[in-house]
C-alpha atoms as a PDB file:
ATOM      1  CA  UNK A   1      37.785  12.945  23.898  1.00  0.00           C
ATOM      2  CA  UNK A   2      34.919  14.293  22.355  1.00  0.00           C
ATOM      3  CA  UNK A   3      31.625  12.611  21.354  1.00  0.00           C
ATOM      4  CA  UNK A   4      30.864  12.110  17.795  1.00  0.00           C
ATOM      5  CA  UNK A   5      28.819  14.825  15.528  1.00  0.00           C
ATOM      6  CA  UNK A   6      24.972  13.715  15.596  1.00  0.00           C
ATOM      7  CA  UNK A   7      24.819  13.297  11.552  1.00  0.00           C
ATOM      8  CA  UNK A   8      22.957  17.143  10.142  1.00  0.00           C
ATOM      9  CA  UNK A   9      19.676  16.612   8.880  1.00  0.00           C
ATOM     10  CA  UNK A  10      19.158  16.677   5.000  1.00  0.00           C
ATOM     11  CA  UNK A  11      19.300  20.056   3.558  1.00  0.00           C
ATOM     12  CA  UNK A  12      19.172  22.059   0.311  1.00  0.00           C
ATOM     13  CA  UNK A  13      17.379  24.221  -2.014  1.00  0.00           C
ATOM     14  CA  UNK A  14      13.805  24.213  -3.443  1.00  0.00           C
ATOM     15  CA  UNK A  15      14.549  23.711  -6.932  1.00  0.00           C
ATOM     16  CA  UNK A  16      10.622  23.652  -8.067  1.00  0.00           C
ATOM     17  CA  UNK A  17       7.766  23.173  -6.937  1.00  0.00           C
ATOM     18  CA  UNK A  18       3.763  23.051  -7.183  1.00  0.00           C
ATOM     19  CA  UNK A  19       0.608  23.161  -5.623  1.00  0.00           C
ATOM     20  CA  UNK A  20      -0.987  19.967  -5.379  1.00  0.00           C
ATOM     21  CA  UNK A  21      -5.018  20.710  -5.103  1.00  0.00           C
ATOM     22  CA  UNK A  22      -6.368  17.496  -6.099  1.00  0.00           C
ATOM     23  CA  UNK A  23      -4.802  15.107  -4.022  1.00  0.00           C
ATOM     24  CA  UNK A  24      -4.044  10.919  -4.643  1.00  0.00           C
ATOM     25  CA  UNK A  25      -5.785   8.646  -2.911  1.00  0.00           C
ATOM     26  CA  UNK A  26      -4.695   8.208   0.948  1.00  0.00           C
ATOM     27  CA  UNK A  27      -3.960  12.100   0.801  1.00  0.00           C
ATOM     28  CA  UNK A  28      -6.880  13.959   0.152  1.00  0.00           C
ATOM     29  CA  UNK A  29      -7.392  15.365   3.608  1.00  0.00           C
ATOM     30  CA  UNK A  30      -4.012  17.082   3.171  1.00  0.00           C
ATOM     31  CA  UNK A  31      -5.167  18.932  -0.132  1.00  0.00           C
ATOM     32  CA  UNK A  32      -3.915  21.251  -0.695  1.00  0.00           C
ATOM     33  CA  UNK A  33      -0.134  21.132  -0.380  1.00  0.00           C
ATOM     34  CA  UNK A  34       2.782  22.238  -2.052  1.00  0.00           C
ATOM     35  CA  UNK A  35       5.204  19.463  -3.566  1.00  0.00           C
ATOM     36  CA  UNK A  36       8.656  20.084  -4.286  1.00  0.00           C
ATOM     37  CA  UNK A  37      11.609  18.929  -6.020  1.00  0.00           C
ATOM     38  CA  UNK A  38      14.505  19.831  -3.494  1.00  0.00           C
ATOM     39  CA  UNK A  39      18.311  20.159  -4.357  1.00  0.00           C
ATOM     40  CA  UNK A  40      19.914  18.522  -2.030  1.00  0.00           C
ATOM     41  CA  UNK A  41      23.559  19.672  -0.685  1.00  0.00           C
ATOM     42  CA  UNK A  42      25.194  16.416  -2.152  1.00  0.00           C
ATOM     43  CA  UNK A  43      23.382  17.542  -5.823  1.00  0.00           C
ATOM     44  CA  UNK A  44      20.987  14.902  -5.833  1.00  0.00           C
ATOM     45  CA  UNK A  45      17.366  15.557  -6.704  1.00  0.00           C
ATOM     46  CA  UNK A  46      14.497  14.448  -4.277  1.00  0.00           C
ATOM     47  CA  UNK A  47      10.372  14.795  -4.714  1.00  0.00           C
ATOM     48  CA  UNK A  48       9.151  15.647  -1.279  1.00  0.00           C
ATOM     49  CA  UNK A  49       6.296  17.519   0.489  1.00  0.00           C
ATOM     50  CA  UNK A  50       7.076  20.904   2.068  1.00  0.00           C
ATOM     51  CA  UNK A  51       5.553  21.579   5.304  1.00  0.00           C
ATOM     52  CA  UNK A  52       5.493  24.520   8.231  1.00  0.00           C
ATOM     53  CA  UNK A  53       5.587  26.886   5.398  1.00  0.00           C
ATOM     54  CA  UNK A  54       3.579  30.239   5.881  1.00  0.00           C
ATOM     55  CA  UNK A  55       2.483  31.454   2.018  1.00  0.00           C
ATOM     56  CA  UNK A  56       4.163  29.870  -0.794  1.00  0.00           C
ATOM     57  CA  UNK A  57       7.248  28.229  -1.351  1.00  0.00           C
ATOM     58  CA  UNK A  58      10.179  30.400  -3.572  1.00  0.00           C
ATOM     59  CA  UNK A  59      12.645  28.736  -5.766  1.00  0.00           C
ATOM     60  CA  UNK A  60      16.057  28.567  -3.790  1.00  0.00           C
ATOM     61  CA  UNK A  61      14.201  28.551  -0.419  1.00  0.00           C
ATOM     62  CA  UNK A  62      16.706  26.673   2.046  1.00  0.00           C
ATOM     63  CA  UNK A  63      15.172  23.489   3.233  1.00  0.00           C
ATOM     64  CA  UNK A  64      15.748  20.718   5.930  1.00  0.00           C
ATOM     65  CA  UNK A  65      14.137  17.302   5.640  1.00  0.00           C
ATOM     66  CA  UNK A  66      11.617  16.110   8.664  1.00  0.00           C
ATOM     67  CA  UNK A  67      10.017  13.174   9.801  1.00  0.00           C
ATOM     68  CA  UNK A  68       6.305  13.802   9.229  1.00  0.00           C
ATOM     69  CA  UNK A  69       2.566  11.992   9.740  1.00  0.00           C
ATOM     70  CA  UNK A  70       2.051  11.035   5.630  1.00  0.00           C
ATOM     71  CA  UNK A  71      -1.288   9.238   5.945  1.00  0.00           C
ATOM     72  CA  UNK A  72      -3.179   7.052   8.057  1.00  0.00           C
ATOM     73  CA  UNK A  73      -3.563   3.592   6.634  1.00  0.00           C
ATOM     74  CA  UNK A  74      -6.316   0.525   6.600  1.00  0.00           C
ATOM     75  CA  UNK A  75      -9.329   0.490   9.124  1.00  0.00           C
ATOM     76  CA  UNK A  76      -6.966  -0.014  12.234  1.00  0.00           C
ATOM     77  CA  UNK A  77      -5.250   3.976  11.353  1.00  0.00           C
ATOM     78  CA  UNK A  78      -2.131   3.110  11.236  1.00  0.00           C
ATOM     79  CA  UNK A  79       0.136   6.394  10.823  1.00  0.00           C
ATOM     80  CA  UNK A  80       2.488   6.006   8.269  1.00  0.00           C
ATOM     81  CA  UNK A  81       5.026   8.569   8.647  1.00  0.00           C
ATOM     82  CA  UNK A  82       7.781   9.639   6.346  1.00  0.00           C
ATOM     83  CA  UNK A  83      10.000  12.713   5.620  1.00  0.00           C
ATOM     84  CA  UNK A  84       9.092  16.153   4.175  1.00  0.00           C
ATOM     85  CA  UNK A  85      11.085  19.160   3.861  1.00  0.00           C
ATOM     86  CA  UNK A  86      10.723  22.523   6.115  1.00  0.00           C
ATOM     87  CA  UNK A  87      12.412  26.090   5.904  1.00  0.00           C
ATOM     88  CA  UNK A  88      15.302  26.003   7.370  1.00  0.00           C
ATOM     89  CA  UNK A  89      15.560  26.775  10.770  1.00  0.00           C
ATOM     90  CA  UNK A  90      19.151  28.514  11.439  1.00  0.00           C
END
């Protein structure tokens, strides 16, 4: 008997993207950053930051979802994690 396969990371392609230079509150330290509309393999679109890019993203780039630090919240410095997309590692 074989073990069940682990779920694969969410993958897709860069559908559109923009460079954010004037970040909203709580994200100022990350600016400039790339924000993308990612078309997932199942056809859904999701908006997220791009990470681990060298240079600019290109429309059609294959990407995969990863968990990353989004921001630090409050006086105690609680770290808020969420999803971002990086270039697909094959």
